[in-house]
Amino acid sequence: MRLNLYREIVFLLLLVQQFPAQAAESSPSTIVGQLSGRLTAALDDERFKQAHWGLLIVDRESGDALFEHQADKMFAPASTTKLYSTAAALDALGADYRFQTPIYAIGKIDDGRLTGDLVLVASGDLTLGGRTNDDGHIAISDSDHIYAQFASTAELTEPDPLAGLDALAKQVAAAGVKQISGDVLIDDRLFEEAESSGSGPSRVTPILVNDNLIDFVIAPTATGQAANVTWRPQSAALRIDIRVQTVADREDTNITVSSPADNSFVVRGQIAAGRKPLVRTADVADPATFARALLIEALRRAGVQIDASPLSKNRAEALPSASDYPSARRVALLESPPFAENAKLILKVSHNLHASTLPLLIAAKHGQRTHWAGMRRQHDFFHRAGCDLDGISFGGAAGGSRADYISPRATVQLLRYMSTHKAFDAYRDGLPVLGVDGTLARVVPADSPAKGKVFAKTGTLLWANAGNGRFILTSKALAGYATAANGRQLAFAMFVNNIPIARSEDGAKMAGEKLGSLCEIMVAETPAK
């Protein structure tokens, strides 16, 4: 195998020397000196002998290929899918777009008493004020809470997830509403509910409070004692049953969270003494009903008296016609940070729920309400971007659909197009930075020469192998932009599919570090123009 590969490289080098232009167009690999030699050698790795590789590295400005390997083949992209869905959303909505979530009083307000209903109209705001820092930016952690059921590194961000609802409630009180004799309702009709195509929260809805999750933080105490368990958001609508024990350091940590009924959660297990607190999450069953309960409680904290109970369901049948809102009194409005902040959150932490919402937001902008309508408009954008459409197949926008396949060439075409787009700064700045933050924070050593020089989206998709108790790493991927050591600006895509691994986290880490090492070669060995 090595001999055949060596002969192929020598043959291609001869062709490039004699017929450089023709060889660049017709050869399966573009060979450029030291870069090619080191990348080719790096791909010949025993750990990946069953795997399939696809790579393309180009000069970002000219599009000249510096290295390619199976660039037109299609690969499972995992979360590099978000490069596509976020680009389409930035194009459709704009980096400066802000979600506006209003509350209307439907009825008469007399001496501070609303005789009628108070209605929050969900706008699809992905954070609803619950992740906004004091400086107006959306808070980001390197390991987001949406992965808490799968990753022991998940962290919560500092802002109060109820801050947006509290701000709205205070506006309602300031508008003179002191008592509500009717109901409090959530209008979630902006688009049809759909399913997320990635791990984490599953329901895609126009109303999101804390990603429609309950966060549980489990901290050890003394060995043999009950662990300390807290949760957020707090609400009287929730029923929580907890039994978690602190065990010796040497024992395993094992925590489960289940939901036997709507708004009821059972936390069980054990946590090793001395370890850092562990985050676990659970989905809420009915996001609109949950948001309604939280809004009622926020209004009461703001001093508004409400006859309706937070324990009741959201009554969709009681919602007014959309045509009634223009004549109704708006008593509150929450405006989000610019959409560039949402794009950054999606790309930095690979936020599956928010990415899955993007096609529906695109559809809603055009008066449509379905996932498929948004996906179709996404596809139209890829056509305008000059992508090879035969190299693109998507069933969802987050990267977990069985229909998701893309080629390195189509991906690099998108990246080059976005480098000329008015939203490029938001797009590039939203990407994880190698060795610095997001999902690329720990991929290379702290002293890596490529640290800070690669802005790229990661992708990881794996399945359990029921036959042997191991796993198949269906996809490990990385695509984005790089600055070579000599200053040359690059666009690249790297995919490796179908790697048998023993342990999920260890195998994904190994493959991610391999892609990081390829980036180090790319940065160090890219030739000058």
Protein backbone atom coordinates (compact mmCIF):
# COMPACT_ATOMS: atom_id res chain seq x y z
CA MET A 1 0.00 0.00 0.00
CA ARG A 2 2.79 2.45 0.93
CA LEU A 3 4.69 1.57 -2.26
CA ASN A 4 1.67 2.25 -4.45
CA LEU A 5 1.04 5.54 -2.70
CA TYR A 6 4.70 6.51 -3.16
CA ARG A 7 4.57 5.72 -6.89
CA GLU A 8 1.40 7.77 -7.28
CA ILE A 9 2.99 10.78 -5.56
CA VAL A 10 6.15 10.58 -7.68
CA PHE A 11 4.08 10.27 -10.85
CA LEU A 12 1.95 13.28 -9.95
CA LEU A 13 5.02 15.34 -9.08
CA LEU A 14 6.41 14.65 -12.54
CA LEU A 15 3.14 15.70 -14.12
CA VAL A 16 3.07 18.94 -12.13
CA GLN A 17 6.63 19.73 -13.22
CA GLN A 18 5.87 19.11 -16.90
CA PHE A 19 2.25 20.26 -17.16
CA PRO A 20 1.43 22.31 -14.06
CA ALA A 21 -1.86 23.81 -15.19
CA GLN A 22 -3.29 20.57 -16.58
CA ALA A 23 -2.17 18.55 -13.57
CA ALA A 24 -3.89 20.93 -11.17
CA GLU A 25 -7.16 20.46 -13.02
CA SER A 26 -7.12 16.72 -13.60
CA SER A 27 -5.21 15.07 -10.78
CA PRO A 28 -7.03 13.55 -7.78
CA SER A 29 -4.63 15.40 -5.49
CA THR A 30 -3.02 18.80 -5.85
CA ILE A 31 0.60 18.42 -4.78
CA VAL A 32 2.43 21.45 -3.39
CA GLY A 33 5.87 20.56 -2.05
CA GLN A 34 6.43 20.08 1.65
CA LEU A 35 2.76 20.67 2.52
CA SER A 36 1.66 17.74 0.39
CA GLY A 37 4.37 15.42 1.61
CA ARG A 38 3.63 15.99 5.27
CA LEU A 39 -0.15 15.82 4.89
CA THR A 40 0.06 12.65 2.81
CA ALA A 41 2.28 11.04 5.42
CA ALA A 42 -0.03 12.15 8.22
CA LEU A 43 -3.04 10.53 6.57
CA ASP A 44 -1.20 7.19 6.47
CA ASP A 45 -2.05 6.47 10.12
CA GLU A 46 -2.78 2.95 11.37
CA ARG A 47 -5.49 4.24 13.71
CA PHE A 48 -7.53 5.31 10.67
CA LYS A 49 -6.97 2.30 8.42
CA GLN A 50 -10.74 1.64 8.07
CA ALA A 51 -11.62 5.31 7.73
CA HIS A 52 -12.26 7.54 4.72
CA TRP A 53 -10.56 10.92 4.38
CA GLY A 54 -11.54 14.00 2.42
CA LEU A 55 -9.46 17.20 2.41
CA LEU A 56 -9.28 20.42 0.48
CA ILE A 57 -7.06 23.41 1.25
CA VAL A 58 -7.18 26.47 -1.01
CA ASP A 59 -5.90 30.00 -1.16
CA ARG A 60 -8.90 31.93 0.14
CA GLU A 61 -8.58 34.79 -2.34
CA SER A 62 -7.68 32.99 -5.58
CA GLY A 63 -9.23 29.59 -4.91
CA ASP A 64 -6.02 27.85 -6.02
CA ALA A 65 -5.87 24.36 -4.53
CA LEU A 66 -2.85 23.75 -2.31
CA PHE A 67 -3.80 20.22 -1.32
CA GLU A 68 -6.75 17.99 -2.05
CA HIS A 69 -7.70 14.42 -1.35
CA GLN A 70 -11.10 13.06 -2.45
CA ALA A 71 -12.44 16.62 -2.42
CA ASP A 72 -15.50 15.76 -4.52
CA LYS A 73 -16.56 12.73 -2.49
CA MET A 74 -19.39 13.20 -0.01
CA PHE A 75 -18.86 12.76 3.73
CA ALA A 76 -21.06 12.80 6.82
CA PRO A 77 -20.34 16.33 8.06
CA ALA A 78 -21.64 16.15 11.63
CA SER A 79 -21.76 19.68 13.07
CA THR A 80 -19.83 21.32 10.24
CA THR A 81 -23.39 21.40 8.87
CA LYS A 82 -23.76 24.52 11.03
CA LEU A 83 -21.39 26.37 8.70
CA TYR A 84 -24.12 26.06 6.09
CA SER A 85 -27.20 26.80 8.23
CA THR A 86 -25.57 29.75 10.00
CA ALA A 87 -24.36 31.23 6.70
CA ALA A 88 -27.87 30.96 5.26
CA ALA A 89 -29.39 32.60 8.36
CA LEU A 90 -26.84 35.44 8.36
CA ASP A 91 -27.68 36.03 4.71
CA ALA A 92 -31.45 35.95 5.28
CA LEU A 93 -31.68 37.83 8.58
CA GLY A 94 -28.49 39.88 8.66
CA ALA A 95 -25.83 40.11 11.36
CA ASP A 96 -27.55 43.14 12.91
CA TYR A 97 -31.03 41.58 13.11
CA ARG A 98 -32.60 41.68 16.58
CA PHE A 99 -35.46 39.51 17.80
CA GLN A 100 -38.32 41.54 19.23
CA THR A 101 -40.63 39.78 21.68
CA PRO A 102 -43.73 41.83 22.60
CA ILE A 103 -46.41 41.42 25.26
CA TYR A 104 -49.92 42.68 24.45
CA ALA A 105 -52.85 43.48 26.69
CA ILE A 106 -55.94 42.05 25.01
CA GLY A 107 -58.77 43.83 26.74
CA LYS A 108 -59.47 46.99 28.71
CA ILE A 109 -57.11 48.43 31.31
CA ASP A 110 -59.05 50.39 33.92
CA ASP A 111 -57.41 51.79 37.06
CA GLY A 112 -54.52 49.32 36.69
CA ARG A 113 -56.77 46.29 36.18
CA LEU A 114 -56.63 44.40 32.88
CA THR A 115 -59.97 42.84 32.12
CA GLY A 116 -58.77 40.37 29.54
CA ASP A 117 -55.66 38.41 28.70
CA LEU A 118 -51.96 39.22 28.63
CA VAL A 119 -50.22 37.60 25.65
CA LEU A 120 -46.51 37.15 24.99
CA VAL A 121 -45.93 36.66 21.26
CA ALA A 122 -42.91 34.43 20.76
CA SER A 123 -40.50 35.75 18.12
CA GLY A 124 -38.12 32.79 17.95
CA ASP A 125 -35.61 34.62 20.17
CA LEU A 126 -33.05 31.89 20.84
CA THR A 127 -31.98 33.12 24.29
CA LEU A 128 -34.86 35.42 25.36
CA GLY A 129 -32.57 37.56 27.48
CA GLY A 130 -31.41 34.62 29.57
CA ARG A 131 -27.78 34.57 28.41
CA THR A 132 -27.04 38.27 28.01
CA ASN A 133 -24.09 39.67 29.96
CA ASP A 134 -24.00 43.19 31.34
CA ASP A 135 -21.99 44.27 28.27
CA GLY A 136 -24.80 43.16 25.93
CA HIS A 137 -23.02 40.07 24.61
CA ILE A 138 -24.43 36.56 24.83
CA ALA A 139 -22.56 34.48 27.42
CA ILE A 140 -20.68 31.45 26.08
CA SER A 141 -18.96 28.56 27.85
CA ASP A 142 -16.56 26.17 26.12
CA SER A 143 -18.80 23.20 27.01
CA ASP A 144 -22.47 24.17 26.86
CA HIS A 145 -25.25 22.86 29.09
CA ILE A 146 -27.09 21.36 26.10
CA TYR A 147 -24.44 18.60 26.14
CA ALA A 148 -24.71 17.96 29.88
CA GLN A 149 -26.36 14.56 29.43
CA PHE A 150 -23.34 13.35 27.45
CA ALA A 151 -20.35 15.38 28.66
CA SER A 152 -18.95 15.68 32.16
CA THR A 153 -17.39 19.05 31.25
CA ALA A 154 -20.68 20.95 30.72
CA GLU A 155 -20.92 24.34 32.42
CA LEU A 156 -23.64 26.87 33.12
CA THR A 157 -23.24 30.49 32.10
CA GLU A 158 -23.53 33.28 34.67
CA PRO A 159 -26.63 35.22 33.52
CA ASP A 160 -30.00 34.42 35.09
CA PRO A 161 -32.04 32.43 32.52
CA LEU A 162 -35.16 34.31 33.71
CA ALA A 163 -33.65 37.78 33.22
CA GLY A 164 -35.55 38.40 29.98
CA LEU A 165 -38.91 37.44 31.47
CA ASP A 166 -38.18 39.58 34.54
CA ALA A 167 -37.40 42.55 32.28
CA LEU A 168 -40.67 42.06 30.41
CA ALA A 169 -42.64 41.74 33.65
CA LYS A 170 -41.20 44.98 34.99
CA GLN A 171 -42.23 46.74 31.77
CA VAL A 172 -45.77 45.40 32.15
CA ALA A 173 -45.95 46.81 35.68
CA ALA A 174 -44.43 50.11 34.53
CA ALA A 175 -47.09 50.33 31.81
CA GLY A 176 -49.72 50.54 34.55
CA VAL A 177 -50.94 46.96 34.66
CA LYS A 178 -51.28 46.09 38.35
CA GLN A 179 -53.84 43.30 38.18
CA ILE A 180 -54.89 40.78 35.51
CA SER A 181 -58.33 39.21 35.76
CA GLY A 182 -57.95 37.11 32.62
CA ASP A 183 -55.28 34.62 31.58
CA VAL A 184 -51.60 34.87 30.71
CA LEU A 185 -50.85 33.22 27.36
CA ILE A 186 -47.90 32.36 25.15
CA ASP A 187 -48.47 32.74 21.41
CA ASP A 188 -46.10 30.19 19.84
CA ARG A 189 -47.61 30.18 16.35
CA LEU A 190 -44.65 31.74 14.54
CA PHE A 191 -43.77 28.36 13.04
CA GLU A 192 -44.68 24.71 13.41
CA GLU A 193 -42.91 22.72 16.10
CA ALA A 194 -40.14 20.52 14.69
CA GLU A 195 -37.44 18.13 15.89
CA SER A 196 -33.80 19.04 16.40
CA SER A 197 -31.43 17.04 14.19
CA GLY A 198 -28.72 16.95 16.84
CA SER A 199 -28.20 15.77 20.40
CA GLY A 200 -29.51 17.83 23.29
CA PRO A 201 -32.96 19.43 23.57
CA SER A 202 -35.27 17.89 21.00
CA ARG A 203 -38.20 20.29 20.53
CA VAL A 204 -37.74 23.21 18.15
CA THR A 205 -40.29 25.87 19.11
CA PRO A 206 -40.62 29.67 18.79
CA ILE A 207 -40.50 30.04 22.58
CA LEU A 208 -37.25 29.19 24.37
CA VAL A 209 -36.50 29.83 28.03
CA ASN A 210 -33.15 28.37 29.10
CA ASP A 211 -33.25 26.24 25.92
CA ASN A 212 -36.40 24.67 27.41
CA LEU A 213 -34.21 22.78 29.85
CA ILE A 214 -34.04 22.31 33.60
CA ASP A 215 -30.40 22.48 34.73
CA PHE A 216 -29.40 20.37 37.72
CA VAL A 217 -26.06 21.04 39.44
CA ILE A 218 -24.89 18.15 41.61
CA ALA A 219 -22.06 18.89 44.06
CA PRO A 220 -20.45 16.34 46.41
CA THR A 221 -20.41 16.85 50.14
CA ALA A 222 -18.85 14.48 52.73
CA THR A 223 -18.57 10.79 51.92
CA GLY A 224 -21.75 9.00 52.93
CA GLN A 225 -23.82 12.19 52.96
CA ALA A 226 -26.46 13.41 50.54
CA ALA A 227 -25.05 15.45 47.67
CA ASN A 228 -26.02 19.09 47.28
CA VAL A 229 -28.37 19.42 44.29
CA THR A 230 -29.66 22.74 42.97
CA TRP A 231 -31.59 23.51 39.80
CA ARG A 232 -32.66 26.33 37.53
CA PRO A 233 -34.99 27.84 36.53
CA GLN A 234 -36.86 27.63 39.83
CA SER A 235 -40.64 27.42 39.52
CA ALA A 236 -43.61 26.35 41.64
CA ALA A 237 -44.80 24.46 38.56
CA LEU A 238 -41.97 21.91 38.95
CA ARG A 239 -41.95 18.79 41.11
CA ILE A 240 -38.44 17.59 41.93
CA ASP A 241 -37.51 14.35 43.72
CA ILE A 242 -33.81 13.97 44.55
CA ARG A 243 -31.76 11.17 46.04
CA VAL A 244 -28.04 11.47 45.28
CA GLN A 245 -25.32 10.16 47.58
CA THR A 246 -21.71 11.30 47.97
CA VAL A 247 -19.33 8.33 47.67
CA ALA A 248 -15.59 7.87 48.08
CA ASP A 249 -13.18 9.47 45.61
CA ARG A 250 -12.26 6.13 44.03
CA GLU A 251 -15.89 5.25 43.22
CA ASP A 252 -17.67 6.10 39.98
CA THR A 253 -19.96 9.07 39.50
CA ASN A 254 -23.28 8.04 38.02
CA ILE A 255 -26.25 10.42 37.86
CA THR A 256 -29.55 9.96 36.04
CA VAL A 257 -32.35 12.48 35.54
CA SER A 258 -35.75 11.22 34.40
CA SER A 259 -39.15 12.81 33.89
CA PRO A 260 -42.00 10.37 34.68
CA ALA A 261 -44.64 13.07 34.08
CA ASP A 262 -44.85 16.61 32.73
CA ASN A 263 -42.89 19.04 34.93
CA SER A 264 -41.88 16.19 37.27
CA PHE A 265 -38.22 15.20 37.57
CA VAL A 266 -36.41 12.46 39.44
CA VAL A 267 -32.67 12.78 40.16
CA ARG A 268 -30.85 9.64 41.30
CA GLY A 269 -27.31 8.34 41.63
CA GLN A 270 -23.98 8.98 43.27
CA ILE A 271 -21.13 11.45 42.93
CA ALA A 272 -17.52 10.99 43.99
CA ALA A 273 -16.28 13.16 46.82
CA GLY A 274 -13.76 15.74 45.73
CA ARG A 275 -14.83 16.00 42.11
CA LYS A 276 -16.12 19.27 40.67
CA PRO A 277 -19.90 19.83 40.50
CA LEU A 278 -21.63 17.98 37.67
CA VAL A 279 -24.31 19.48 35.41
CA ARG A 280 -27.21 17.36 34.17
CA THR A 281 -30.30 18.54 32.27
CA ALA A 282 -33.82 17.46 31.37
CA ASP A 283 -36.20 18.71 28.68
CA VAL A 284 -39.48 20.35 29.64
CA ALA A 285 -42.43 18.57 28.03
CA ASP A 286 -44.44 21.62 26.93
CA PRO A 287 -42.30 24.73 26.29
CA ALA A 288 -45.25 27.11 25.93
CA THR A 289 -46.87 25.96 29.19
CA PHE A 290 -43.50 26.15 30.95
CA ALA A 291 -42.85 29.68 29.64
CA ARG A 292 -46.35 30.70 30.74
CA ALA A 293 -45.70 29.53 34.31
CA LEU A 294 -42.37 31.35 34.43
CA LEU A 295 -43.92 34.55 33.05
CA ILE A 296 -46.72 34.49 35.64
CA GLU A 297 -44.15 34.10 38.40
CA ALA A 298 -42.06 36.95 36.95
CA LEU A 299 -45.13 39.19 36.83
CA ARG A 300 -45.89 38.42 40.47
CA ARG A 301 -42.28 39.27 41.41
CA ALA A 302 -42.84 42.60 39.63
CA GLY A 303 -45.91 43.29 41.81
CA VAL A 304 -48.64 42.36 39.31
CA GLN A 305 -51.57 40.45 40.81
CA ILE A 306 -52.78 37.58 38.62
CA ASP A 307 -55.84 35.40 39.04
CA ALA A 308 -54.53 32.72 36.65
CA SER A 309 -52.49 29.84 38.08
CA PRO A 310 -48.98 28.96 36.85
CA LEU A 311 -49.98 25.31 37.20
CA SER A 312 -52.49 25.50 34.33
CA LYS A 313 -51.68 24.69 30.68
CA ASN A 314 -51.18 27.29 28.00
CA ARG A 315 -54.51 27.53 26.17
CA ALA A 316 -53.68 27.83 22.47
CA GLU A 317 -57.39 27.92 21.63
CA ALA A 318 -57.77 31.15 23.62
CA LEU A 319 -55.16 33.07 21.61
CA PRO A 320 -56.42 36.08 19.66
CA SER A 321 -56.19 36.32 15.91
CA ALA A 322 -52.86 37.69 14.68
CA SER A 323 -54.85 40.53 13.11
CA ASP A 324 -55.91 41.67 16.60
CA TYR A 325 -52.41 42.62 17.71
CA PRO A 326 -52.00 45.87 15.72
CA SER A 327 -54.99 47.38 17.53
CA ALA A 328 -54.06 45.96 20.94
CA ARG A 329 -51.94 47.82 23.47
CA ARG A 330 -48.34 46.69 23.62
CA VAL A 331 -47.24 46.83 27.24
CA ALA A 332 -43.73 45.36 26.96
CA LEU A 333 -41.02 44.60 24.40
CA LEU A 334 -37.80 42.61 24.78
CA GLU A 335 -35.12 43.25 22.14
CA SER A 336 -32.30 40.74 21.73
CA PRO A 337 -28.61 41.37 21.06
CA PRO A 338 -27.76 41.40 17.31
CA PHE A 339 -28.06 38.06 15.53
CA ALA A 340 -24.27 37.97 15.13
CA GLU A 341 -24.23 37.04 18.83
CA ASN A 342 -26.59 34.11 18.20
CA ALA A 343 -24.43 32.97 15.30
CA LYS A 344 -21.37 33.04 17.56
CA LEU A 345 -23.11 30.94 20.21
CA ILE A 346 -24.21 28.37 17.62
CA LEU A 347 -20.76 28.07 16.08
CA LYS A 348 -18.60 28.30 19.20
CA VAL A 349 -20.37 25.62 21.23
CA SER A 350 -22.06 23.77 18.34
CA HIS A 351 -25.53 24.54 19.66
CA ASN A 352 -27.80 21.94 18.04
CA LEU A 353 -31.15 23.32 19.19
CA HIS A 354 -30.45 26.84 17.96
CA ALA A 355 -29.00 25.59 14.68
CA SER A 356 -32.11 23.45 14.12
CA THR A 357 -34.25 26.56 14.60
CA LEU A 358 -32.51 28.55 11.85
CA PRO A 359 -34.40 27.13 8.81
CA LEU A 360 -37.69 27.88 10.59
CA LEU A 361 -36.58 31.46 11.28
CA ILE A 362 -35.69 31.83 7.60
CA ALA A 363 -39.09 30.41 6.63
CA ALA A 364 -40.89 32.73 9.07
CA LYS A 365 -39.21 35.77 7.54
CA HIS A 366 -40.92 34.84 4.27
CA GLY A 367 -44.30 34.12 5.84
CA GLN A 368 -43.80 30.34 5.88
CA ARG A 369 -44.00 28.04 8.89
CA THR A 370 -42.35 24.69 8.16
CA HIS A 371 -38.90 23.17 8.47
CA TRP A 372 -38.97 22.02 4.86
CA ALA A 373 -39.81 25.50 3.57
CA GLY A 374 -36.79 26.86 5.42
CA MET A 375 -34.53 24.08 4.17
CA ARG A 376 -35.59 24.83 0.62
CA ARG A 377 -34.71 28.50 1.03
CA GLN A 378 -31.37 27.43 2.52
CA HIS A 379 -30.73 25.36 -0.60
CA ASP A 380 -31.52 28.37 -2.80
CA PHE A 381 -28.90 30.34 -0.88
CA PHE A 382 -26.27 27.65 -1.53
CA HIS A 383 -27.05 27.98 -5.24
CA ARG A 384 -26.52 31.75 -5.08
CA ALA A 385 -23.29 31.15 -3.20
CA GLY A 386 -21.93 29.12 -6.13
CA CYS A 387 -21.72 25.82 -4.25
CA ASP A 388 -21.69 22.50 -6.07
CA LEU A 389 -25.25 21.47 -5.20
CA ASP A 390 -24.55 17.84 -6.08
CA GLY A 391 -22.09 17.90 -3.19
CA ILE A 392 -24.72 18.95 -0.62
CA SER A 393 -27.45 16.91 1.06
CA PHE A 394 -29.17 17.97 4.28
CA GLY A 395 -32.09 16.65 6.28
CA GLY A 396 -31.58 19.14 9.10
CA ALA A 397 -29.52 22.15 10.10
CA ALA A 398 -27.53 20.87 13.09
CA GLY A 399 -25.66 17.88 11.69
CA GLY A 400 -27.33 14.77 13.10
CA SER A 401 -29.65 13.83 10.24
CA ARG A 402 -29.12 10.59 8.31
CA ALA A 403 -29.46 12.63 5.11
CA ASP A 404 -26.53 14.95 5.88
CA TYR A 405 -23.63 14.59 3.43
CA ILE A 406 -21.34 17.23 1.95
CA SER A 407 -18.15 17.35 -0.05
CA PRO A 408 -14.99 19.22 0.91
CA ARG A 409 -15.25 21.17 -2.34
CA ALA A 410 -18.79 22.42 -1.71
CA THR A 411 -17.76 23.40 1.81
CA VAL A 412 -14.75 25.39 0.66
CA GLN A 413 -16.90 27.07 -2.01
CA LEU A 414 -19.27 28.22 0.74
CA LEU A 415 -16.39 29.43 2.89
CA ARG A 416 -14.88 31.44 0.04
CA TYR A 417 -18.27 32.97 -0.79
CA MET A 418 -18.84 33.98 2.82
CA SER A 419 -15.41 35.64 2.89
CA THR A 420 -16.87 38.18 0.42
CA HIS A 421 -20.23 38.51 2.21
CA LYS A 422 -21.19 41.59 4.23
CA ALA A 423 -21.69 39.32 7.25
CA PHE A 424 -18.19 37.81 6.98
CA ASP A 425 -16.87 39.38 10.17
CA ALA A 426 -19.75 37.91 12.18
CA TYR A 427 -19.34 34.54 10.45
CA ARG A 428 -15.58 34.23 10.90
CA ASP A 429 -15.49 35.73 14.40
CA GLY A 430 -18.18 33.31 15.49
CA LEU A 431 -16.04 30.26 14.72
CA PRO A 432 -14.09 28.40 17.42
CA VAL A 433 -10.42 29.39 17.49
CA LEU A 434 -7.85 26.60 17.60
CA GLY A 435 -6.34 26.30 21.05
CA VAL A 436 -8.31 29.29 22.33
CA ASP A 437 -12.04 28.76 22.77
CA GLY A 438 -15.22 26.85 22.02
CA THR A 439 -14.99 23.30 20.74
CA LEU A 440 -11.37 23.89 19.64
CA ALA A 441 -10.11 25.10 23.00
CA ARG A 442 -8.25 21.90 23.97
CA VAL A 443 -7.42 20.30 20.62
CA VAL A 444 -3.75 21.36 20.38
CA PRO A 445 -1.07 21.96 23.02
CA ALA A 446 -0.84 25.39 24.62
CA ASP A 447 2.42 26.07 22.76
CA SER A 448 1.12 24.94 19.35
CA PRO A 449 2.36 27.14 16.47
CA ALA A 450 -1.14 26.98 15.02
CA LYS A 451 -2.81 28.32 18.17
CA GLY A 452 -4.98 31.31 17.35
CA LYS A 453 -4.41 30.94 13.58
CA VAL A 454 -7.32 28.63 12.70
CA PHE A 455 -10.99 29.68 12.86
CA ALA A 456 -13.06 26.60 12.13
CA LYS A 457 -16.21 24.63 12.88
CA THR A 458 -15.85 21.19 14.39
CA GLY A 459 -18.07 18.17 13.84
CA THR A 460 -18.47 14.93 15.80
CA LEU A 461 -20.99 12.16 15.19
CA LEU A 462 -20.82 8.67 16.66
CA TRP A 463 -23.04 5.66 17.26
CA ALA A 464 -22.85 2.70 19.60
CA ASN A 465 -21.81 -0.59 18.01
CA ALA A 466 -24.28 -3.06 19.52
CA GLY A 467 -22.26 -6.04 18.30
CA ASN A 468 -19.12 -5.45 20.35
CA GLY A 469 -20.03 -2.76 22.89
CA ARG A 470 -17.69 -0.28 21.20
CA PHE A 471 -18.46 2.72 18.98
CA ILE A 472 -18.22 3.87 15.40
CA LEU A 473 -17.08 7.47 15.00
CA THR A 474 -19.18 8.19 11.95
CA SER A 475 -17.68 11.61 11.42
CA LYS A 476 -14.97 13.86 12.75
CA ALA A 477 -14.73 17.06 10.77
CA LEU A 478 -13.20 20.51 10.73
CA ALA A 479 -13.69 23.33 8.21
CA GLY A 480 -13.05 27.04 8.18
CA TYR A 481 -10.29 29.60 7.74
CA ALA A 482 -6.60 29.66 8.58
CA THR A 483 -3.69 32.06 8.43
CA ALA A 484 -0.48 30.32 7.39
CA ALA A 485 2.78 31.12 9.16
CA ASN A 486 3.77 33.24 6.13
CA GLY A 487 0.50 35.20 6.30
CA ARG A 488 -1.30 33.47 3.42
CA GLN A 489 -5.07 33.31 3.95
CA LEU A 490 -6.62 29.86 3.52
CA ALA A 491 -10.01 28.16 3.40
CA PHE A 492 -10.12 24.45 4.15
CA ALA A 493 -12.30 21.42 4.86
CA MET A 494 -11.22 18.16 6.50
CA PHE A 495 -13.45 15.12 6.97
CA VAL A 496 -12.74 11.65 8.29
CA ASN A 497 -15.59 9.13 8.42
CA ASN A 498 -16.10 5.71 9.97
CA ILE A 499 -13.45 5.16 12.64
CA PRO A 500 -13.95 2.18 14.99
CA ILE A 501 -13.21 3.35 18.55
CA ALA A 502 -13.33 1.76 22.00
CA ARG A 503 -14.64 4.66 24.08
CA SER A 504 -16.76 7.54 22.84
CA GLU A 505 -15.04 10.52 24.50
CA ASP A 506 -11.51 9.10 24.13
CA GLY A 507 -12.00 8.22 20.45
CA ALA A 508 -13.52 11.58 19.57
CA LYS A 509 -10.68 13.33 21.40
CA MET A 510 -8.07 11.30 19.52
CA ALA A 511 -9.62 12.11 16.14
CA GLY A 512 -9.99 15.78 17.05
CA GLU A 513 -6.34 16.00 18.00
CA LYS A 514 -5.48 14.38 14.66
CA LEU A 515 -7.33 17.14 12.83
CA GLY A 516 -5.55 19.65 15.03
CA SER A 517 -2.19 18.19 13.97
CA LEU A 518 -3.22 18.49 10.31
CA CYS A 519 -3.95 22.16 10.97
CA GLU A 520 -0.47 22.57 12.44
CA ILE A 521 1.01 21.14 9.23
CA MET A 522 -1.21 23.39 7.12
CA VAL A 523 -0.19 26.51 9.02
CA ALA A 524 3.52 25.65 9.05
CA GLU A 525 4.01 24.26 5.53
CA THR A 526 1.72 26.30 3.26
CA PRO A 527 3.98 27.83 0.61
CA ALA A 528 4.09 31.54 -0.07
CA LYS A 529 2.34 32.81 -3.19
